[in-house]
C-alpha atoms as a PDB file:
ATOM      1  CA  MET A   1      17.401 -59.691 -43.117  1.00  0.00           C
ATOM      2  CA  LYS A   2      15.863 -56.795 -41.603  1.00  0.00           C
ATOM      3  CA  LEU A   3      14.198 -59.545 -39.489  1.00  0.00           C
ATOM      4  CA  LEU A   4      17.976 -60.566 -38.713  1.00  0.00           C
ATOM      5  CA  ILE A   5      18.878 -57.050 -37.339  1.00  0.00           C
ATOM      6  CA  LEU A   6      15.971 -56.602 -35.575  1.00  0.00           C
ATOM      7  CA  VAL A   7      16.759 -60.264 -33.677  1.00  0.00           C
ATOM      8  CA  ILE A   8      20.710 -58.469 -32.988  1.00  0.00           C
ATOM      9  CA  PHE A   9      19.682 -55.467 -31.629  1.00  0.00           C
ATOM     10  CA  ILE A  10      16.535 -57.365 -29.115  1.00  0.00           C
ATOM     11  CA  LEU A  11      19.899 -59.334 -28.029  1.00  0.00           C
ATOM     12  CA  ASN A  12      22.172 -56.360 -27.660  1.00  0.00           C
ATOM     13  CA  ILE A  13      19.247 -54.492 -25.773  1.00  0.00           C
ATOM     14  CA  ALA A  14      18.840 -58.096 -23.536  1.00  0.00           C
ATOM     15  CA  PHE A  15      22.425 -58.325 -22.889  1.00  0.00           C
ATOM     16  CA  THR A  16      22.781 -54.323 -21.659  1.00  0.00           C
ATOM     17  CA  LYS A  17      22.749 -54.279 -18.401  1.00  0.00           C
ATOM     18  CA  VAL A  18      21.727 -50.852 -16.616  1.00  0.00           C
ATOM     19  CA  VAL A  19      23.815 -50.852 -13.606  1.00  0.00           C
ATOM     20  CA  ALA A  20      22.589 -47.233 -12.562  1.00  0.00           C
ATOM     21  CA  ARG A  21      20.446 -44.158 -13.918  1.00  0.00           C
ATOM     22  CA  ILE A  22      21.457 -40.196 -13.612  1.00  0.00           C
ATOM     23  CA  ASP A  23      17.856 -38.669 -14.334  1.00  0.00           C
ATOM     24  CA  LYS A  24      17.268 -40.381 -18.040  1.00  0.00           C
ATOM     25  CA  GLU A  25      20.664 -41.309 -18.600  1.00  0.00           C
ATOM     26  CA  GLN A  26      21.653 -45.156 -18.728  1.00  0.00           C
ATOM     27  CA  ILE A  27      25.068 -46.191 -17.262  1.00  0.00           C
ATOM     28  CA  THR A  28      25.577 -50.146 -18.725  1.00  0.00           C
ATOM     29  CA  SER A  29      27.815 -52.902 -16.968  1.00  0.00           C
ATOM     30  CA  THR A  30      30.540 -52.560 -20.560  1.00  0.00           C
ATOM     31  CA  GLU A  31      30.810 -48.925 -19.964  1.00  0.00           C
ATOM     32  CA  VAL A  32      31.541 -48.985 -15.974  1.00  0.00           C
ATOM     33  CA  GLN A  33      33.668 -52.310 -16.571  1.00  0.00           C
ATOM     34  CA  GLN A  34      35.574 -50.396 -19.440  1.00  0.00           C
ATOM     35  CA  ALA A  35      36.414 -47.422 -17.033  1.00  0.00           C
ATOM     36  CA  PHE A  36      37.048 -49.733 -14.007  1.00  0.00           C
ATOM     37  CA  ASN A  37      39.953 -51.432 -16.332  1.00  0.00           C
ATOM     38  CA  ALA A  38      40.872 -48.251 -17.238  1.00  0.00           C
ATOM     39  CA  TYR A  39      41.621 -46.948 -13.911  1.00  0.00           C
ATOM     40  CA  TRP A  40      43.258 -50.164 -12.281  1.00  0.00           C
ATOM     41  CA  ARG A  41      45.758 -50.375 -14.914  1.00  0.00           C
ATOM     42  CA  GLU A  42      46.431 -46.847 -16.294  1.00  0.00           C
ATOM     43  CA  ILE A  43      45.813 -44.620 -12.630  1.00  0.00           C
ATOM     44  CA  LEU A  44      46.583 -46.969 -10.389  1.00  0.00           C
ATOM     45  CA  HIS A  45      48.825 -49.264 -12.243  1.00  0.00           C
ATOM     46  CA  LEU A  46      47.690 -52.150 -10.311  1.00  0.00           C
ATOM     47  CA  PRO A  47      46.902 -55.500 -12.054  1.00  0.00           C
ATOM     48  CA  ILE A  48      42.769 -55.948 -13.100  1.00  0.00           C
ATOM     49  CA  ALA A  49      43.042 -59.682 -11.529  1.00  0.00           C
ATOM     50  CA  ARG A  50      43.514 -58.101  -7.946  1.00  0.00           C
ATOM     51  CA  ALA A  51      39.964 -56.551  -8.258  1.00  0.00           C
ATOM     52  CA  THR A  52      37.165 -57.396  -6.073  1.00  0.00           C
ATOM     53  CA  ARG A  53      33.181 -57.109  -7.075  1.00  0.00           C
ATOM     54  CA  ARG A  54      33.369 -54.930  -3.575  1.00  0.00           C
ATOM     55  CA  ASP A  55      35.656 -52.463  -5.740  1.00  0.00           C
ATOM     56  CA  LEU A  56      33.516 -52.696  -8.932  1.00  0.00           C
ATOM     57  CA  GLN A  57      31.010 -51.436  -6.668  1.00  0.00           C
ATOM     58  CA  GLU A  58      32.455 -48.868  -4.964  1.00  0.00           C
ATOM     59  CA  PHE A  59      33.936 -47.696  -8.578  1.00  0.00           C
ATOM     60  CA  LEU A  60      30.448 -47.577  -9.359  1.00  0.00           C
ATOM     61  CA  VAL A  61      29.347 -44.794  -7.005  1.00  0.00           C
ATOM     62  CA  GLU A  62      32.800 -42.915  -7.739  1.00  0.00           C
ATOM     63  CA  TYR A  63      31.884 -43.321 -11.484  1.00  0.00           C
ATOM     64  CA  VAL A  64      28.062 -41.555 -10.966  1.00  0.00           C
ATOM     65  CA  ARG A  65      29.680 -39.264  -8.773  1.00  0.00           C
ATOM     66  CA  SER A  66      32.437 -37.998 -11.468  1.00  0.00           C
ATOM     67  CA  LYS A  67      29.646 -37.655 -14.421  1.00  0.00           C
ATOM     68  CA  ILE A  68      27.624 -35.656 -11.665  1.00  0.00           C
ATOM     69  CA  ILE A  69      30.947 -33.476 -11.458  1.00  0.00           C
ATOM     70  CA  GLN A  70      31.568 -32.820 -14.911  1.00  0.00           C
ATOM     71  CA  MET A  71      27.886 -31.933 -15.546  1.00  0.00           C
ATOM     72  CA  GLU A  72      27.954 -29.010 -12.367  1.00  0.00           C
ATOM     73  CA  ALA A  73      31.323 -27.853 -13.480  1.00  0.00           C
ATOM     74  CA  LYS A  74      29.774 -26.797 -17.267  1.00  0.00           C
ATOM     75  CA  ARG A  75      27.109 -25.440 -15.582  1.00  0.00           C
ATOM     76  CA  MET A  76      29.485 -23.613 -13.486  1.00  0.00           C
ATOM     77  CA  GLY A  77      31.488 -22.597 -16.542  1.00  0.00           C
ATOM     78  CA  ILE A  78      34.841 -24.495 -15.421  1.00  0.00           C
ATOM     79  CA  SER A  79      37.029 -26.509 -17.808  1.00  0.00           C
ATOM     80  CA  VAL A  80      40.407 -28.288 -18.503  1.00  0.00           C
ATOM     81  CA  SER A  81      42.636 -26.606 -20.560  1.00  0.00           C
ATOM     82  CA  PRO A  82      45.008 -28.907 -22.855  1.00  0.00           C
ATOM     83  CA  GLN A  83      47.969 -27.482 -20.951  1.00  0.00           C
ATOM     84  CA  GLU A  84      46.669 -28.212 -17.311  1.00  0.00           C
ATOM     85  CA  PHE A  85      45.493 -31.850 -18.143  1.00  0.00           C
ATOM     86  CA  GLU A  86      49.151 -32.868 -19.226  1.00  0.00           C
ATOM     87  CA  GLU A  87      50.810 -30.595 -16.410  1.00  0.00           C
ATOM     88  CA  TYR A  88      48.347 -33.220 -14.056  1.00  0.00           C
ATOM     89  CA  VAL A  89      49.536 -36.218 -15.741  1.00  0.00           C
ATOM     90  CA  GLU A  90      52.927 -35.082 -15.752  1.00  0.00           C
ATOM     91  CA  ARG A  91      53.173 -34.683 -11.816  1.00  0.00           C
ATOM     92  CA  HIS A  92      50.717 -37.479 -11.162  1.00  0.00           C
ATOM     93  CA  VAL A  93      50.032 -40.367 -13.819  1.00  0.00           C
ATOM     94  CA  GLY A  94      53.326 -40.156 -15.543  1.00  0.00           C
ATOM     95  CA  SER A  95      52.271 -42.525 -18.449  1.00  0.00           C
ATOM     96  CA  LYS A  96      50.846 -40.286 -20.967  1.00  0.00           C
ATOM     97  CA  ARG A  97      49.402 -43.178 -22.861  1.00  0.00           C
ATOM     98  CA  LEU A  98      46.046 -43.081 -21.969  1.00  0.00           C
ATOM     99  CA  SER A  99      43.085 -44.471 -22.955  1.00  0.00           C
ATOM    100  CA  ASP A 100      39.778 -42.377 -23.806  1.00  0.00           C
ATOM    101  CA  VAL A 101      38.255 -43.581 -20.442  1.00  0.00           C
ATOM    102  CA  ALA A 102      41.283 -43.053 -18.291  1.00  0.00           C
ATOM    103  CA  LYS A 103      41.824 -39.671 -19.519  1.00  0.00           C
ATOM    104  CA  GLU A 104      37.957 -38.484 -19.148  1.00  0.00           C
ATOM    105  CA  LEU A 105      38.780 -40.108 -15.255  1.00  0.00           C
ATOM    106  CA  ILE A 106      41.839 -37.815 -15.270  1.00  0.00           C
ATOM    107  CA  THR A 107      40.199 -34.984 -16.465  1.00  0.00           C
ATOM    108  CA  THR A 108      37.100 -35.103 -13.632  1.00  0.00           C
ATOM    109  CA  GLU A 109      39.653 -35.315 -11.082  1.00  0.00           C
ATOM    110  CA  ILE A 110      41.138 -31.752 -12.335  1.00  0.00           C
ATOM    111  CA  LEU A 111      37.451 -30.414 -12.519  1.00  0.00           C
ATOM    112  CA  SER A 112      36.707 -31.169  -8.864  1.00  0.00           C
ATOM    113  CA  GLN A 113      39.834 -29.544  -7.980  1.00  0.00           C
ATOM    114  CA  LYS A 114      39.231 -26.875  -9.775  1.00  0.00           C
ATOM    115  CA  ILE A 115      35.879 -26.762  -8.064  1.00  0.00           C
ATOM    116  CA  ILE A 116      37.246 -26.800  -4.487  1.00  0.00           C
ATOM    117  CA  SER A 117      39.544 -23.632  -5.654  1.00  0.00           C
ATOM    118  CA  ARG A 118      36.241 -22.074  -6.339  1.00  0.00           C
ATOM    119  CA  MET A 119      34.493 -23.103  -3.674  1.00  0.00           C
ATOM    120  CA  ALA A 120      37.252 -22.547  -0.702  1.00  0.00           C
ATOM    121  CA  LYS A 121      39.232 -19.806  -1.994  1.00  0.00           C
ATOM    122  CA  ASP A 122      38.982 -17.789   1.450  1.00  0.00           C
ATOM    123  CA  LEU A 123      39.818 -20.581   3.465  1.00  0.00           C
ATOM    124  CA  ASP A 124      42.900 -20.173   6.005  1.00  0.00           C
ATOM    125  CA  VAL A 125      44.174 -22.425   8.962  1.00  0.00           C
ATOM    126  CA  LYS A 126      45.503 -20.276  12.194  1.00  0.00           C
ATOM    127  CA  GLU A 127      48.691 -20.690  13.386  1.00  0.00           C
ATOM    128  CA  GLY A 128      47.270 -21.510  16.458  1.00  0.00           C
ATOM    129  CA  GLN A 129      45.095 -24.156  15.327  1.00  0.00           C
ATOM    130  CA  ILE A 130      48.689 -25.717  13.560  1.00  0.00           C
ATOM    131  CA  THR A 131      50.559 -25.594  16.668  1.00  0.00           C
ATOM    132  CA  ALA A 132      47.801 -27.290  18.815  1.00  0.00           C
ATOM    133  CA  TYR A 133      47.088 -30.310  16.003  1.00  0.00           C
ATOM    134  CA  TYR A 134      51.254 -30.795  15.968  1.00  0.00           C
ATOM    135  CA  TYR A 135      51.632 -31.456  19.831  1.00  0.00           C
ATOM    136  CA  LEU A 136      48.255 -33.193  20.118  1.00  0.00           C
ATOM    137  CA  ASN A 137      49.209 -35.885  17.507  1.00  0.00           C
ATOM    138  CA  LEU A 138      53.068 -35.800  18.259  1.00  0.00           C
ATOM    139  CA  ARG A 139      53.026 -39.273  17.160  1.00  0.00           C
ATOM    140  CA  ASP A 140      52.088 -38.840  13.650  1.00  0.00           C
ATOM    141  CA  PHE A 141      55.642 -36.515  13.361  1.00  0.00           C
ATOM    142  CA  LYS A 142      57.652 -39.623  14.743  1.00  0.00           C
ATOM    143  CA  LEU A 143      60.138 -39.817  11.726  1.00  0.00           C
ATOM    144  CA  PRO A 144      61.452 -43.356  11.068  1.00  0.00           C
ATOM    145  CA  ALA A 145      65.097 -44.014   9.073  1.00  0.00           C
ATOM    146  CA  GLN A 146      64.218 -42.498   5.671  1.00  0.00           C
ATOM    147  CA  VAL A 147      65.536 -42.126   2.124  1.00  0.00           C
ATOM    148  CA  LEU A 148      65.490 -39.230  -0.461  1.00  0.00           C
ATOM    149  CA  LEU A 149      65.192 -41.455  -3.664  1.00  0.00           C
ATOM    150  CA  GLU A 150      65.533 -40.219  -7.388  1.00  0.00           C
ATOM    151  CA  ARG A 151      63.448 -41.978  -9.880  1.00  0.00           C
ATOM    152  CA  TYR A 152      64.013 -42.739 -13.669  1.00  0.00           C
ATOM    153  CA  THR A 153      61.781 -43.901 -15.539  1.00  0.00           C
ATOM    154  CA  THR A 154      61.821 -45.287 -18.921  1.00  0.00           C
ATOM    155  CA  SER A 155      60.139 -47.155 -21.742  1.00  0.00           C
ATOM    156  CA  SER A 156      63.127 -49.609 -22.865  1.00  0.00           C
ATOM    157  CA  LEU A 157      65.093 -51.857 -20.808  1.00  0.00           C
ATOM    158  CA  ASP A 158      68.469 -50.899 -22.746  1.00  0.00           C
ATOM    159  CA  THR A 159      67.812 -47.394 -21.867  1.00  0.00           C
ATOM    160  CA  ALA A 160      67.371 -47.957 -18.220  1.00  0.00           C
ATOM    161  CA  ASN A 161      70.439 -50.003 -18.542  1.00  0.00           C
ATOM    162  CA  GLU A 162      72.138 -47.074 -19.423  1.00  0.00           C
ATOM    163  CA  VAL A 163      70.698 -44.610 -16.582  1.00  0.00           C
ATOM    164  CA  TYR A 164      71.924 -47.816 -14.295  1.00  0.00           C
ATOM    165  CA  TYR A 165      75.591 -47.306 -15.388  1.00  0.00           C
ATOM    166  CA  SER A 166      75.989 -43.584 -15.176  1.00  0.00           C
ATOM    167  CA  LEU A 167      74.442 -43.407 -12.233  1.00  0.00           C
ATOM    168  CA  SER A 168      76.152 -46.380 -10.464  1.00  0.00           C
ATOM    169  CA  ARG A 169      79.220 -44.457 -11.619  1.00  0.00           C
ATOM    170  CA  GLY A 170      78.101 -40.923 -10.142  1.00  0.00           C
ATOM    171  CA  GLN A 171      77.926 -39.657 -13.418  1.00  0.00           C
ATOM    172  CA  VAL A 172      74.891 -37.126 -14.850  1.00  0.00           C
ATOM    173  CA  VAL A 173      72.295 -38.793 -16.772  1.00  0.00           C
ATOM    174  CA  ARG A 174      72.541 -37.140 -20.172  1.00  0.00           C
ATOM    175  CA  ASP A 175      71.154 -37.495 -23.932  1.00  0.00           C
ATOM    176  CA  VAL A 176      68.853 -40.749 -22.828  1.00  0.00           C
ATOM    177  CA  GLU A 177      65.012 -40.715 -22.847  1.00  0.00           C
ATOM    178  CA  ALA A 178      64.186 -41.037 -19.594  1.00  0.00           C
ATOM    179  CA  ARG A 179      61.987 -39.278 -17.292  1.00  0.00           C
ATOM    180  CA  VAL A 180      62.917 -37.599 -14.021  1.00  0.00           C
ATOM    181  CA  GLY A 181      60.491 -37.754 -11.057  1.00  0.00           C
ATOM    182  CA  GLN A 182      60.671 -35.424  -8.310  1.00  0.00           C
ATOM    183  CA  PRO A 183      62.972 -36.723  -5.869  1.00  0.00           C
ATOM    184  CA  MET A 184      60.813 -37.974  -2.468  1.00  0.00           C
ATOM    185  CA  TRP A 185      61.349 -39.289   1.006  1.00  0.00           C
ATOM    186  CA  TYR A 186      60.740 -42.654   2.087  1.00  0.00           C
ATOM    187  CA  SER A 187      60.239 -44.794   4.831  1.00  0.00           C
ATOM    188  CA  ILE A 188      62.921 -47.657   4.835  1.00  0.00           C
ATOM    189  CA  GLN A 189      60.433 -49.816   6.162  1.00  0.00           C
ATOM    190  CA  THR A 190      58.044 -49.305   3.952  1.00  0.00           C
ATOM    191  CA  LEU A 191      59.819 -49.788   0.854  1.00  0.00           C
ATOM    192  CA  PRO A 192      59.577 -53.071  -1.511  1.00  0.00           C
ATOM    193  CA  GLU A 193      61.636 -55.098  -0.931  1.00  0.00           C
ATOM    194  CA  ILE A 194      63.571 -55.453  -3.959  1.00  0.00           C
ATOM    195  CA  VAL A 195      64.170 -51.935  -3.347  1.00  0.00           C
ATOM    196  CA  ARG A 196      65.149 -52.421  -0.024  1.00  0.00           C
ATOM    197  CA  ARG A 197      67.339 -55.080  -1.089  1.00  0.00           C
ATOM    198  CA  GLN A 198      69.114 -53.420  -3.905  1.00  0.00           C
ATOM    199  CA  LEU A 199      69.952 -50.082  -1.883  1.00  0.00           C
ATOM    200  CA  TYR A 200      70.814 -51.582   1.332  1.00  0.00           C
ATOM    201  CA  PRO A 201      72.813 -50.377   3.288  1.00  0.00           C
ATOM    202  CA  TYR A 202      71.629 -46.987   2.029  1.00  0.00           C
ATOM    203  CA  GLU A 203      74.350 -45.234   1.329  1.00  0.00           C
ATOM    204  CA  VAL A 204      74.301 -42.121  -0.780  1.00  0.00           C
ATOM    205  CA  GLY A 205      74.477 -42.851  -4.785  1.00  0.00           C
ATOM    206  CA  LYS A 206      73.506 -46.023  -3.873  1.00  0.00           C
ATOM    207  CA  THR A 207      71.620 -47.181  -7.398  1.00  0.00           C
ATOM    208  CA  THR A 208      69.034 -50.019  -8.176  1.00  0.00           C
ATOM    209  CA  ARG A 209      69.159 -52.148 -11.377  1.00  0.00           C
ATOM    210  CA  PRO A 210      66.428 -51.572 -13.678  1.00  0.00           C
ATOM    211  CA  ILE A 211      63.109 -52.406 -12.161  1.00  0.00           C
ATOM    212  CA  GLU A 212      60.284 -53.963 -14.566  1.00  0.00           C
ATOM    213  CA  VAL A 213      56.756 -51.840 -13.721  1.00  0.00           C
ATOM    214  CA  GLY A 214      54.249 -52.468 -16.140  1.00  0.00           C
ATOM    215  CA  GLU A 215      55.729 -51.300 -19.699  1.00  0.00           C
ATOM    216  CA  SER A 216      58.022 -49.125 -17.868  1.00  0.00           C
ATOM    217  CA  TYR A 217      61.532 -49.813 -16.059  1.00  0.00           C
ATOM    218  CA  VAL A 218      62.729 -47.908 -13.043  1.00  0.00           C
ATOM    219  CA  VAL A 219      65.427 -46.937 -11.968  1.00  0.00           C
ATOM    220  CA  PHE A 220      65.788 -45.910  -8.039  1.00  0.00           C
ATOM    221  CA  ARG A 221      68.879 -43.567  -6.169  1.00  0.00           C
ATOM    222  CA  VAL A 222      69.790 -42.585  -2.695  1.00  0.00           C
ATOM    223  CA  ALA A 223      69.909 -38.876  -3.339  1.00  0.00           C
ATOM    224  CA  ASP A 224      70.365 -38.317   0.904  1.00  0.00           C
ATOM    225  CA  LYS A 225      69.018 -40.010   3.929  1.00  0.00           C
ATOM    226  CA  ARG A 226      68.347 -39.523   7.765  1.00  0.00           C
ATOM    227  CA  GLY A 227      67.848 -41.164  10.676  1.00  0.00           C
ATOM    228  CA  SER A 228      64.339 -41.557  12.791  1.00  0.00           C
ATOM    229  CA  GLY A 229      63.456 -39.082  15.506  1.00  0.00           C
ATOM    230  CA  ILE A 230      60.341 -36.646  15.929  1.00  0.00           C
ATOM    231  CA  MET A 231      60.220 -33.702  13.238  1.00  0.00           C
ATOM    232  CA  PRO A 232      60.424 -30.317  14.703  1.00  0.00           C
ATOM    233  CA  LEU A 233      57.573 -28.085  15.073  1.00  0.00           C
ATOM    234  CA  GLU A 234      58.889 -25.437  12.531  1.00  0.00           C
ATOM    235  CA  GLU A 235      59.203 -28.152  10.095  1.00  0.00           C
ATOM    236  CA  ALA A 236      56.107 -29.923  10.561  1.00  0.00           C
ATOM    237  CA  LYS A 237      53.975 -26.427  10.454  1.00  0.00           C
ATOM    238  CA  PRO A 238      53.889 -26.434   6.073  1.00  0.00           C
ATOM    239  CA  ILE A 239      52.552 -30.303   6.467  1.00  0.00           C
ATOM    240  CA  VAL A 240      49.938 -29.231   9.142  1.00  0.00           C
ATOM    241  CA  ARG A 241      49.165 -26.359   7.169  1.00  0.00           C
ATOM    242  CA  GLU A 242      48.418 -28.303   4.058  1.00  0.00           C
ATOM    243  CA  LYS A 243      46.472 -31.215   5.945  1.00  0.00           C
ATOM    244  CA  LEU A 244      43.928 -29.119   8.105  1.00  0.00           C
ATOM    245  CA  LEU A 245      43.717 -26.464   4.772  1.00  0.00           C
ATOM    246  CA  ARG A 246      42.798 -29.994   2.482  1.00  0.00           C
ATOM    247  CA  GLU A 247      40.608 -31.232   5.515  1.00  0.00           C
ATOM    248  CA  LYS A 248      38.440 -27.961   5.320  1.00  0.00           C
ATOM    249  CA  ARG A 249      38.722 -28.289   1.440  1.00  0.00           C
ATOM    250  CA  GLN A 250      37.346 -31.535   1.280  1.00  0.00           C
ATOM    251  CA  GLU A 251      34.499 -30.929   3.864  1.00  0.00           C
ATOM    252  CA  VAL A 252      33.285 -27.438   1.766  1.00  0.00           C
ATOM    253  CA  PHE A 253      33.416 -29.829  -1.403  1.00  0.00           C
ATOM    254  CA  ARG A 254      31.496 -32.586   0.440  1.00  0.00           C
ATOM    255  CA  ARG A 255      29.042 -29.901   1.105  1.00  0.00           C
ATOM    256  CA  TRP A 256      28.768 -28.513  -2.216  1.00  0.00           C
ATOM    257  CA  PHE A 257      28.427 -32.250  -3.694  1.00  0.00           C
ATOM    258  CA  GLN A 258      25.974 -32.954  -1.408  1.00  0.00           C
ATOM    259  CA  GLU A 259      23.714 -30.364  -2.338  1.00  0.00           C
ATOM    260  CA  VAL A 260      24.181 -30.213  -6.119  1.00  0.00           C
ATOM    261  CA  SER A 261      23.319 -33.810  -6.202  1.00  0.00           C
ATOM    262  CA  LYS A 262      20.011 -33.504  -5.013  1.00  0.00           C
ATOM    263  CA  ARG A 263      19.126 -31.771  -8.407  1.00  0.00           C
ATOM    264  CA  TYR A 264      19.326 -35.623 -10.284  1.00  0.00           C
ATOM    265  CA  SER A 265      17.318 -38.571  -9.741  1.00  0.00           C
ATOM    266  CA  VAL A 266      20.568 -41.282  -8.964  1.00  0.00           C
ATOM    267  CA  GLU A 267      19.215 -45.334  -8.943  1.00  0.00           C
ATOM    268  CA  PHE A 268      22.080 -47.868  -8.605  1.00  0.00           C
ATOM    269  CA  TYR A 269      21.609 -51.564  -9.749  1.00  0.00           C
ATOM    270  CA  PHE A 270      24.427 -53.396  -8.006  1.00  0.00           C
ATOM    271  CA  GLY A 271      22.782 -56.366  -9.174  1.00  0.00           C
ATOM    272  CA  GLN A 272      23.359 -56.533 -12.323  1.00  0.00           C
ATOM    273  CA  LEU A 273      27.258 -55.676 -11.862  1.00  0.00           C
END
């Protein structure tokens, strides 16, 4: 019996491929594959069959990076509260039915944002920088025809149909279990064909029938629309300010990570993936 257990143990070691190391910590192919699957299905909401080997290799690098970020956040006394986690998921992910692996990846993203906030809290963008960027990049502010879409997400087709029938009759959605997302502007030409076809001619109030997305159903409604043109400077200022500030913050984070990563001995074995 002891011999059998020893053989099984040896076989497990043999078939457990190490794909990366952080100091003495080993990261196995099984661990990375599980994390990769969770990332694609639960966060990107893409079928895993579309993933390529290069996608997996790039994810491995980010996975190792996330582990270093977690260790450094702990050193800095930075953590994520349950409320912060729930609010982030509500705003950026939608579904709360997440695996432990997906939760860990999301936590790392929140930690990254909190580290950036601490490291770059005094950053600012001057008015002249905003104006200069706007006029030097006018074509970036060319607006195609756009629609403001409301998004209603449900877990069942019956509920989604209730939402559709209420909205298509101009009624307010009440007494149904539907998550209502923040209305967002979309370029008509970039909308998926199934959405464009159902919303044409994009009149305010036009509503799609339930569209199946993974394990959920989504209903879109046109709340407003606007034609093409150039976004005015005053309207563009908040966008430019956020863009330039984000770039500065990311540069601070890049330099910070480059420095702290020197504390670790990191090795990759891509051939083992």
